[in-house]
Amino acid sequence: MTRFRLSSSAVLVALCAALSMGADECQPDDYVAPWPQSNVQPATYDESAVSGAMRHKAEAYDAWHKAWHQPDKGGTVNVSFTDPSRTAVAGIDGYGDSTIWTGTYLASQSFRYHVTGDPEAKANAMRMVGTLDGHLHVTGAPGYIARYWATQATSPAYPGDAGCDADDRCHRVESGPYAGDWWSGETSRDQYTGWILGMSTAFDLIDDDATKATIAADMLEVFDMLVSHNWTIIRQDGQPSSVAPDLLPPAQLEWSLVTYHMTGDATALQQVKNLVGNGARIGFELAGIDLFNRYSQYYSNNLGHSIWYVILRLGKVYFGSDDYNWMLSYFNSSVETYSRLSHNAWFTGIYMSQGGWQPAPSDDPYMGQLTDDLTRFRPAPNTSYALPERDPSTYTVDPESQTWIDLQTEFPFLIDAMGQVQLQALQAFPVDQQCTTDFLWQRDPFTIPACGTDNPQYVNPGVDYLVAYWLAEYEKLVDKTF
């Protein structure tokens, strides 16, 4: 007699059919939709309209970034000029974070191209894919992405051979296809977060087969390295990076999902299944340290929002309804909770597009803040500026920040565990009253003390405005007339 063995999924399907239950009610715990799926906004944008102030500001930042903030191999940097006329470069800095901001800039140009069809935006995006591909391969270590990549002979940031040899992060390449270049290492997971944000967005929005093939191959290379080393970033000498090398469950899911989305890779699919199963949810809960991010590690909010934008955008087409709804609930209850309506146009745009936002009948607070924040954002170029200590009559102290200060005074080990907490305002200050920085959306908007310096010769790259504005246009939250 022939005997048949049914898989658990087959048994579930048969049982559901017998009980006349719908497909959504009968999906297995680790359901992932067949490859490939797509979730891209329909390209129904009116480019015939007259540009409004926000679009003009974006155009100015686009031009400024291309002219000054992507020298040499193209990685995003901050620029110091020789004088206030800003016509000659004295030096660059911020290159240790170049990968995260180059990836974020790539996302902005991909959004821009999808909205406008502008060939310049497409060319910018394709050039940045080449830059990030170089950041990956210049290290010579499979899956290990450099913080920055440039030419020894012409880079103003290169410290010379002796200086590079004395710096653990600096590496000069003497042979092979990258001979004569140098790169900065000890790469952390935040740089990987920007890299995948840019590459995943470009893969879906840039209509160039060679570019897509490069991105997919690079994604699979990084994924293979991470999975084979238990989600730890491994540097060129085979050891874990010394700075934040471990990827937490949300980042693991993002990398697995994007790799599967691009390639259909079986290992990536299995990783996604492992991470969407109900048993994996405790790992996400344990990774949720967003209360600390509110009071002492605000930059982590940007990492979380970038990761969850990708997960939720693709999760809509790959996850079963139960898993997608749980992920959405986790995003809203953990990632978004402590930064909601905090005068952060990037976070607000991600919430409005992926977080289940429903517009209010009138005076919607999210739309109000989104447009107010983009309007108040300073015009290009984004020069360094000083702000005085906030007038006590304009804010209420957040009592929880005082509680944390008291606890850290009594238990100093908390400072090492979570970072130093300062007294904060209960409500975030508007964008034009937040401290000067390279990427506004990762800086604490509740800061009370004086900050920054007036220096018209020092210019931040403006990626913060570009990614927030072009996301809002791509997701149809604003249009060209705003």
Protein backbone atom coordinates (compact mmCIF):
# COMPACT_ATOMS: atom_id res chain seq x y z
CA MET A 1 0.00 0.00 0.00
CA THR A 2 1.33 3.44 -0.91
CA ARG A 3 1.52 5.86 2.00
CA PHE A 4 1.40 9.66 1.66
CA ARG A 5 2.87 12.24 4.02
CA LEU A 6 1.31 15.71 3.90
CA SER A 7 3.32 18.77 4.85
CA SER A 8 2.03 20.90 7.72
CA SER A 9 1.16 23.62 5.21
CA ALA A 10 -0.80 21.15 3.09
CA VAL A 11 -2.67 19.93 6.15
CA LEU A 12 -3.49 23.53 7.05
CA VAL A 13 -4.78 24.26 3.55
CA ALA A 14 -6.93 21.14 3.56
CA LEU A 15 -8.32 21.93 7.01
CA CYS A 16 -9.11 25.51 6.01
CA ALA A 17 -10.90 24.32 2.89
CA ALA A 18 -12.96 21.91 4.96
CA LEU A 19 -13.91 24.70 7.36
CA SER A 20 -14.59 27.17 4.52
CA MET A 21 -12.10 29.64 5.97
CA GLY A 22 -10.56 32.45 3.93
CA ALA A 23 -6.95 32.51 2.76
CA ASP A 24 -5.93 35.21 5.25
CA GLU A 25 -7.24 33.14 8.14
CA CYS A 26 -5.36 30.04 7.01
CA GLN A 27 -1.87 31.27 6.22
CA PRO A 28 0.86 29.28 7.96
CA ASP A 29 2.71 30.97 10.80
CA ASP A 30 5.78 31.62 8.64
CA TYR A 31 3.95 32.59 5.44
CA VAL A 32 5.93 34.60 2.87
CA ALA A 33 4.44 35.43 -0.54
CA PRO A 34 6.04 33.85 -3.62
CA TRP A 35 8.88 35.75 -5.25
CA PRO A 36 8.78 38.27 -6.83
CA GLN A 37 6.33 40.86 -5.54
CA SER A 38 6.29 44.63 -6.06
CA ASN A 39 5.14 47.63 -4.06
CA VAL A 40 5.89 50.85 -5.93
CA GLN A 41 3.73 53.97 -6.03
CA PRO A 42 1.96 54.49 -9.38
CA ALA A 43 3.85 57.20 -11.26
CA THR A 44 0.85 59.53 -11.43
CA TYR A 45 2.48 62.84 -10.55
CA ASP A 46 1.62 66.20 -12.14
CA GLU A 47 4.90 67.72 -13.25
CA SER A 48 3.13 70.35 -15.36
CA ALA A 49 2.23 72.38 -12.29
CA VAL A 50 4.18 75.44 -11.15
CA SER A 51 6.76 74.64 -8.47
CA GLY A 52 6.01 75.74 -4.92
CA ALA A 53 8.48 76.88 -2.26
CA MET A 54 9.26 73.36 -1.01
CA ARG A 55 10.10 72.12 -4.50
CA HIS A 56 12.30 75.16 -5.17
CA LYS A 57 14.15 74.46 -1.93
CA ALA A 58 14.64 70.82 -2.95
CA GLU A 59 15.98 71.90 -6.35
CA ALA A 60 18.49 74.19 -4.62
CA TYR A 61 19.63 71.43 -2.26
CA ASP A 62 19.87 68.96 -5.16
CA ALA A 63 22.14 71.37 -7.06
CA TRP A 64 24.22 72.24 -4.00
CA HIS A 65 24.82 68.62 -3.03
CA LYS A 66 25.89 67.64 -6.54
CA ALA A 67 28.26 70.61 -6.81
CA TRP A 68 30.02 70.35 -3.44
CA HIS A 69 29.13 67.38 -1.25
CA GLN A 70 30.09 64.34 -3.36
CA PRO A 71 33.77 64.84 -4.25
CA ASP A 72 36.17 62.23 -5.61
CA LYS A 73 34.39 58.84 -5.55
CA GLY A 74 31.04 60.43 -4.69
CA GLY A 75 30.54 59.73 -0.98
CA THR A 76 28.56 62.39 0.89
CA VAL A 77 30.65 64.70 3.10
CA ASN A 78 30.46 68.03 4.95
CA VAL A 79 32.46 70.86 3.42
CA SER A 80 34.56 73.72 4.82
CA PHE A 81 35.20 76.63 2.47
CA THR A 82 38.09 79.05 2.48
CA ASP A 83 35.87 82.11 2.98
CA PRO A 84 32.20 83.11 3.26
CA SER A 85 31.84 83.36 -0.52
CA ARG A 86 31.98 79.54 -0.56
CA THR A 87 33.75 79.23 -3.88
CA ALA A 88 36.85 77.24 -2.87
CA VAL A 89 37.00 74.14 -0.63
CA ALA A 90 39.34 74.21 2.36
CA GLY A 91 38.55 70.69 3.56
CA ILE A 92 35.95 68.02 4.19
CA ASP A 93 34.79 66.12 7.24
CA GLY A 94 31.98 63.85 8.36
CA TYR A 95 33.34 61.17 6.03
CA GLY A 96 33.24 58.60 8.83
CA ASP A 97 29.46 58.61 8.34
CA SER A 98 29.60 58.90 4.57
CA THR A 99 28.02 55.53 3.82
CA ILE A 100 24.83 56.16 5.79
CA TRP A 101 24.31 59.60 4.22
CA THR A 102 25.34 58.50 0.72
CA GLY A 103 22.74 55.73 0.95
CA THR A 104 20.16 58.20 2.24
CA TYR A 105 21.00 60.58 -0.62
CA LEU A 106 20.62 57.68 -3.07
CA ALA A 107 17.13 57.04 -1.68
CA SER A 108 16.25 60.72 -2.18
CA GLN A 109 17.37 60.70 -5.81
CA SER A 110 15.49 57.47 -6.48
CA PHE A 111 12.30 59.03 -5.10
CA ARG A 112 13.01 62.16 -7.13
CA TYR A 113 13.47 60.22 -10.36
CA HIS A 114 10.25 58.23 -9.88
CA VAL A 115 8.30 61.44 -9.24
CA THR A 116 9.81 63.66 -11.92
CA GLY A 117 11.39 61.39 -14.52
CA ASP A 118 14.31 63.83 -14.48
CA PRO A 119 17.33 62.18 -16.19
CA GLU A 120 19.66 64.08 -13.85
CA ALA A 121 18.05 62.36 -10.86
CA LYS A 122 18.49 58.98 -12.55
CA ALA A 123 22.13 59.76 -13.34
CA ASN A 124 22.70 60.86 -9.72
CA ALA A 125 21.19 57.62 -8.43
CA MET A 126 23.18 55.41 -10.78
CA ARG A 127 26.38 57.22 -9.84
CA MET A 128 25.65 56.68 -6.13
CA VAL A 129 25.02 52.98 -6.72
CA GLY A 130 28.51 52.89 -8.21
CA THR A 131 29.86 54.71 -5.16
CA LEU A 132 28.22 52.33 -2.69
CA ASP A 133 29.35 49.36 -4.75
CA GLY A 134 32.88 50.75 -4.38
CA HIS A 135 32.41 51.18 -0.63
CA LEU A 136 31.66 47.45 -0.53
CA HIS A 137 34.45 46.16 -2.73
CA VAL A 138 37.35 48.47 -1.89
CA THR A 139 37.76 46.66 1.46
CA GLY A 140 38.65 43.38 -0.23
CA ALA A 141 36.57 41.53 2.37
CA PRO A 142 33.33 39.88 1.19
CA GLY A 143 30.30 41.74 2.57
CA TYR A 144 32.32 44.33 4.48
CA ILE A 145 31.33 47.91 3.60
CA ALA A 146 33.72 50.83 4.14
CA ARG A 147 32.66 54.02 5.87
CA TYR A 148 34.29 56.07 3.11
CA TRP A 149 36.27 55.54 -0.10
CA ALA A 150 38.51 58.05 -1.88
CA THR A 151 41.73 58.56 -3.82
CA GLN A 152 44.98 58.94 -1.88
CA ALA A 153 46.51 61.49 -4.23
CA THR A 154 43.59 63.93 -4.34
CA SER A 155 41.44 63.41 -1.26
CA PRO A 156 41.71 66.34 1.19
CA ALA A 157 40.85 63.91 4.01
CA TYR A 158 43.73 61.50 3.34
CA PRO A 159 46.28 61.93 6.19
CA GLY A 160 49.29 60.73 4.20
CA ASP A 161 50.80 57.26 4.21
CA ALA A 162 52.33 57.55 7.68
CA GLY A 163 49.21 59.07 9.14
CA CYS A 164 47.02 56.41 7.55
CA ASP A 165 49.24 53.59 8.81
CA ALA A 166 48.95 54.98 12.33
CA ASP A 167 45.13 55.14 12.19
CA ASP A 168 43.24 51.87 12.81
CA ARG A 169 40.37 53.06 10.62
CA CYS A 170 42.46 54.19 7.66
CA HIS A 171 43.48 51.66 5.03
CA ARG A 172 45.44 52.36 1.84
CA VAL A 173 45.20 50.05 -1.13
CA GLU A 174 48.49 49.26 -2.84
CA SER A 175 47.45 46.71 -5.48
CA GLY A 176 44.49 45.42 -7.46
CA PRO A 177 41.63 47.35 -9.04
CA TYR A 178 41.52 49.87 -6.18
CA ALA A 179 45.28 50.57 -6.06
CA GLY A 180 45.95 54.18 -5.08
CA ASP A 181 42.70 54.48 -3.11
CA TRP A 182 42.08 54.54 0.64
CA TRP A 183 39.12 53.70 2.79
CA SER A 184 37.86 54.19 6.33
CA GLY A 185 36.78 51.12 8.29
CA GLU A 186 35.56 49.80 11.65
CA THR A 187 32.12 50.05 10.08
CA SER A 188 29.05 49.96 12.30
CA ARG A 189 25.50 48.80 11.70
CA ASP A 190 24.30 52.40 11.23
CA GLN A 191 26.37 52.65 8.03
CA TYR A 192 24.86 49.37 6.82
CA THR A 193 21.40 50.81 7.53
CA GLY A 194 21.97 53.75 5.18
CA TRP A 195 23.53 51.52 2.54
CA ILE A 196 20.52 49.19 2.39
CA LEU A 197 18.00 52.05 2.48
CA GLY A 198 19.56 53.57 -0.62
CA MET A 199 20.21 50.35 -2.51
CA SER A 200 16.74 48.87 -1.86
CA THR A 201 14.99 52.08 -2.95
CA ALA A 202 17.11 52.39 -6.10
CA PHE A 203 16.51 48.75 -7.01
CA ASP A 204 12.76 49.34 -7.14
CA LEU A 205 12.70 52.84 -8.66
CA ILE A 206 15.63 53.10 -11.08
CA ASP A 207 14.78 51.53 -14.45
CA ASP A 208 18.22 50.33 -15.50
CA ASP A 209 18.92 46.60 -15.72
CA ALA A 210 22.67 46.86 -15.14
CA THR A 211 22.11 48.99 -12.04
CA LYS A 212 19.57 46.51 -10.69
CA ALA A 213 21.97 43.63 -11.32
CA THR A 214 24.79 45.39 -9.47
CA ILE A 215 22.54 46.13 -6.49
CA ALA A 216 21.19 42.56 -6.32
CA ALA A 217 24.65 41.01 -6.47
CA ASP A 218 25.96 43.38 -3.81
CA MET A 219 22.96 42.73 -1.56
CA LEU A 220 23.43 38.98 -1.77
CA GLU A 221 27.14 39.31 -0.99
CA VAL A 222 26.50 41.33 2.17
CA PHE A 223 23.61 39.09 3.23
CA ASP A 224 25.73 35.96 2.85
CA MET A 225 28.47 37.45 5.03
CA LEU A 226 26.02 38.50 7.74
CA VAL A 227 24.16 35.19 7.86
CA SER A 228 27.33 33.10 7.84
CA HIS A 229 28.63 35.06 10.84
CA ASN A 230 25.42 35.04 12.90
CA TRP A 231 24.44 38.59 11.89
CA THR A 232 27.75 40.14 12.87
CA ILE A 233 29.70 42.57 10.67
CA ILE A 234 33.10 41.02 9.93
CA ARG A 235 35.94 43.35 8.93
CA GLN A 236 38.92 42.81 6.61
CA ASP A 237 40.98 40.80 9.14
CA GLY A 238 38.20 38.30 9.80
CA GLN A 239 37.26 39.80 13.18
CA PRO A 240 34.03 41.58 14.16
CA SER A 241 34.03 45.32 13.66
CA SER A 242 34.91 47.13 16.87
CA VAL A 243 31.92 49.49 16.58
CA ALA A 244 28.33 48.19 16.89
CA PRO A 245 28.84 45.07 14.75
CA ASP A 246 25.72 43.09 15.69
CA LEU A 247 22.48 43.38 13.73
CA LEU A 248 19.31 43.17 15.85
CA PRO A 249 16.17 41.28 14.68
CA PRO A 250 14.57 44.20 12.80
CA ALA A 251 17.75 44.71 10.76
CA GLN A 252 18.04 40.95 10.24
CA LEU A 253 14.53 40.91 8.83
CA GLU A 254 15.21 43.93 6.62
CA TRP A 255 18.34 42.38 5.08
CA SER A 256 16.67 39.00 4.58
CA LEU A 257 13.51 40.48 3.09
CA VAL A 258 15.34 42.81 0.72
CA THR A 259 17.69 40.04 -0.43
CA TYR A 260 14.74 37.74 -1.08
CA HIS A 261 12.88 40.57 -2.83
CA MET A 262 15.80 41.21 -5.17
CA THR A 263 17.02 37.67 -5.83
CA GLY A 264 14.52 35.05 -4.67
CA ASP A 265 17.40 33.46 -2.75
CA ALA A 266 16.31 30.35 -0.81
CA THR A 267 18.46 31.11 2.24
CA ALA A 268 17.04 34.62 2.41
CA LEU A 269 13.51 33.20 2.19
CA GLN A 270 14.21 30.83 5.08
CA GLN A 271 15.60 33.68 7.16
CA VAL A 272 12.44 35.72 6.51
CA LYS A 273 10.31 32.75 7.52
CA ASN A 274 12.32 32.35 10.72
CA LEU A 275 11.86 36.03 11.57
CA VAL A 276 8.14 36.39 10.82
CA GLY A 277 7.09 33.32 12.76
CA ASN A 278 5.27 34.07 16.00
CA GLY A 279 8.09 32.56 18.02
CA ALA A 280 10.47 35.27 16.79
CA ARG A 281 8.39 38.13 18.16
CA ILE A 282 10.04 38.02 21.55
CA GLY A 283 13.34 38.88 19.85
CA PHE A 284 11.83 42.05 18.43
CA GLU A 285 10.38 42.97 21.80
CA LEU A 286 13.75 42.51 23.52
CA ALA A 287 15.43 44.65 20.85
CA GLY A 288 13.07 47.55 21.54
CA ILE A 289 15.11 50.09 23.51
CA ASP A 290 13.30 53.10 22.12
CA LEU A 291 12.84 54.71 25.54
CA PHE A 292 16.65 55.09 25.70
CA ASN A 293 16.59 56.46 22.16
CA ARG A 294 14.22 59.19 23.30
CA TYR A 295 16.43 60.42 26.13
CA SER A 296 20.03 59.64 25.30
CA GLN A 297 20.54 57.96 21.92
CA TYR A 298 18.24 59.91 19.62
CA TYR A 299 20.21 58.99 16.49
CA SER A 300 18.95 55.41 16.89
CA ASN A 301 15.44 56.65 16.09
CA ASN A 302 16.65 57.42 12.58
CA LEU A 303 18.08 53.92 12.21
CA GLY A 304 14.81 52.40 13.39
CA HIS A 305 12.65 54.48 11.07
CA SER A 306 14.87 53.76 8.08
CA ILE A 307 14.74 50.01 8.77
CA TRP A 308 11.00 49.92 9.33
CA TYR A 309 10.21 52.00 6.26
CA VAL A 310 11.76 49.22 4.19
CA ILE A 311 10.20 46.37 6.19
CA LEU A 312 6.67 47.77 6.11
CA ARG A 313 6.82 48.85 2.47
CA LEU A 314 7.83 45.35 1.33
CA GLY A 315 5.90 43.61 4.10
CA LYS A 316 2.64 44.79 2.55
CA VAL A 317 3.22 42.45 -0.38
CA TYR A 318 5.27 39.64 1.21
CA PHE A 319 3.83 39.08 4.70
CA GLY A 320 0.60 37.41 5.71
CA SER A 321 -2.01 39.66 7.26
CA ASP A 322 -1.36 38.54 10.84
CA ASP A 323 2.40 39.05 10.59
CA TYR A 324 2.09 42.36 8.75
CA ASN A 325 -0.39 43.69 11.32
CA TRP A 326 1.89 42.62 14.17
CA MET A 327 4.88 44.35 12.54
CA LEU A 328 2.78 47.47 12.02
CA SER A 329 1.67 47.41 15.65
CA TYR A 330 5.28 46.94 16.81
CA PHE A 331 6.41 49.90 14.72
CA ASN A 332 3.72 52.14 16.18
CA SER A 333 4.06 51.00 19.79
CA SER A 334 7.86 50.89 19.95
CA VAL A 335 9.75 52.60 17.13
CA GLU A 336 7.38 55.51 16.50
CA THR A 337 6.03 56.09 20.03
CA TYR A 338 8.77 58.33 21.43
CA SER A 339 9.28 60.41 18.30
CA ARG A 340 5.72 60.91 17.09
CA LEU A 341 4.87 64.52 16.22
CA SER A 342 8.34 65.68 17.26
CA HIS A 343 8.95 68.11 14.38
CA ASN A 344 10.74 65.48 12.33
CA ALA A 345 9.58 65.48 8.71
CA TRP A 346 11.47 62.28 7.86
CA PHE A 347 9.85 60.27 10.66
CA THR A 348 6.45 61.84 10.02
CA GLY A 349 6.60 60.96 6.33
CA ILE A 350 7.50 57.36 7.16
CA TYR A 351 4.63 57.12 9.65
CA MET A 352 2.14 58.71 7.24
CA SER A 353 3.13 56.42 4.38
CA GLN A 354 3.71 53.14 6.23
CA GLY A 355 2.37 53.45 9.77
CA GLY A 356 -1.35 53.24 9.13
CA TRP A 357 -2.00 56.99 9.18
CA GLN A 358 -5.56 58.09 8.51
CA PRO A 359 -5.98 61.82 7.82
CA ALA A 360 -8.19 63.79 10.18
CA PRO A 361 -11.23 65.51 8.62
CA SER A 362 -9.63 68.89 9.27
CA ASP A 363 -6.40 70.28 10.72
CA ASP A 364 -4.62 66.94 10.59
CA PRO A 365 -1.67 67.25 13.01
CA TYR A 366 0.63 65.01 10.96
CA MET A 367 0.10 66.86 7.72
CA GLY A 368 0.38 70.12 9.63
CA GLN A 369 3.76 69.19 11.10
CA LEU A 370 5.06 67.68 7.86
CA THR A 371 4.41 70.83 5.87
CA ASP A 372 5.49 73.16 8.69
CA ASP A 373 8.79 71.29 9.16
CA LEU A 374 9.62 71.29 5.46
CA THR A 375 8.69 74.96 5.23
CA ARG A 376 10.81 75.98 8.23
CA PHE A 377 13.83 73.96 7.13
CA ARG A 378 16.60 76.41 6.27
CA PRO A 379 17.30 77.07 2.58
CA ALA A 380 20.44 75.85 0.84
CA PRO A 381 23.28 76.03 1.59
CA ASN A 382 22.84 74.55 5.04
CA THR A 383 25.54 76.51 6.85
CA SER A 384 26.46 76.11 10.51
CA TYR A 385 24.49 78.36 12.87
CA ALA A 386 24.29 79.10 16.61
CA LEU A 387 21.23 78.89 18.83
CA PRO A 388 21.03 80.40 22.32
CA GLU A 389 19.70 78.50 25.31
CA ARG A 390 15.94 78.24 24.97
CA ASP A 391 13.84 80.82 26.75
CA PRO A 392 12.24 79.05 29.78
CA SER A 393 8.94 80.76 29.01
CA THR A 394 8.73 78.88 25.70
CA TYR A 395 8.83 75.29 26.96
CA THR A 396 7.89 72.92 29.78
CA VAL A 397 10.59 70.65 31.22
CA ASP A 398 10.02 66.96 30.59
CA PRO A 399 9.82 65.52 34.12
CA GLU A 400 10.95 62.10 32.93
CA SER A 401 14.25 63.55 31.76
CA GLN A 402 14.80 64.90 35.27
CA THR A 403 13.99 61.48 36.69
CA TRP A 404 16.63 59.90 34.47
CA ILE A 405 19.19 62.54 35.48
CA ASP A 406 18.50 61.79 39.15
CA LEU A 407 18.84 58.05 38.55
CA GLN A 408 22.13 58.49 36.69
CA THR A 409 23.44 60.65 39.53
CA GLU A 410 22.59 57.91 42.01
CA PHE A 411 23.63 55.02 39.74
CA PRO A 412 26.47 56.22 37.45
CA PHE A 413 26.65 52.87 35.64
CA LEU A 414 23.45 53.91 33.84
CA ILE A 415 25.46 56.51 31.93
CA ASP A 416 27.61 53.78 30.41
CA ALA A 417 24.56 51.62 29.73
CA MET A 418 22.39 54.21 27.99
CA GLY A 419 24.39 57.42 27.52
CA GLN A 420 24.24 60.73 29.40
CA VAL A 421 20.76 62.21 29.79
CA GLN A 422 20.33 65.99 29.73
CA LEU A 423 17.35 68.04 30.80
CA GLN A 424 14.86 68.15 27.93
CA ALA A 425 11.73 69.99 26.90
CA LEU A 426 8.45 68.09 27.02
CA GLN A 427 7.57 69.08 23.45
CA ALA A 428 9.95 69.18 20.50
CA PHE A 429 11.09 72.56 19.24
CA PRO A 430 10.19 73.55 15.67
CA VAL A 431 12.72 72.76 12.95
CA ASP A 432 14.18 76.27 12.79
CA GLN A 433 14.86 76.11 16.54
CA GLN A 434 16.78 72.81 16.44
CA CYS A 435 20.57 72.56 16.58
CA THR A 436 22.76 72.72 13.47
CA THR A 437 23.96 69.30 12.35
CA ASP A 438 24.79 67.07 9.41
CA PHE A 439 21.42 65.26 9.42
CA LEU A 440 18.73 67.05 11.40
CA TRP A 441 16.38 64.12 11.74
CA GLN A 442 18.84 62.12 13.87
CA ARG A 443 19.42 64.91 16.41
CA ASP A 444 17.44 65.47 19.59
CA PRO A 445 14.71 68.10 18.95
CA PHE A 446 14.04 68.47 22.70
CA THR A 447 17.45 70.05 23.46
CA ILE A 448 17.39 73.08 25.77
CA PRO A 449 21.06 74.29 26.04
CA ALA A 450 22.74 76.65 23.59
CA CYS A 451 24.28 74.84 20.64
CA GLY A 452 26.20 75.33 17.41
CA THR A 453 28.33 78.15 16.04
CA ASP A 454 27.73 80.74 13.35
CA ASN A 455 30.08 79.75 10.55
CA PRO A 456 29.01 80.57 6.99
CA GLN A 457 32.09 78.74 5.68
CA TYR A 458 30.98 75.34 7.04
CA VAL A 459 28.17 73.61 5.13
CA ASN A 460 26.17 70.48 5.91
CA PRO A 461 25.10 68.41 2.90
CA GLY A 462 21.31 68.88 3.05
CA VAL A 463 20.53 65.18 2.64
CA ASP A 464 18.06 65.56 5.51
CA TYR A 465 15.85 67.95 3.57
CA LEU A 466 16.21 66.01 0.32
CA VAL A 467 15.18 62.62 1.69
CA ALA A 468 12.25 64.00 3.72
CA TYR A 469 10.93 66.12 0.86
CA TRP A 470 11.29 63.55 -1.93
CA LEU A 471 9.82 60.79 0.27
CA ALA A 472 6.80 63.02 0.89
CA GLU A 473 6.43 63.63 -2.85
CA TYR A 474 6.94 59.96 -3.74
CA GLU A 475 4.35 58.84 -1.18
CA LYS A 476 1.95 61.57 -2.44
CA LEU A 477 1.74 63.37 0.87
CA VAL A 478 2.68 66.65 -0.84
CA ASP A 479 2.97 67.58 -4.49
CA LYS A 480 5.01 69.93 -6.66
CA THR A 481 2.84 72.94 -5.79
CA PHE A 482 3.71 72.93 -2.06
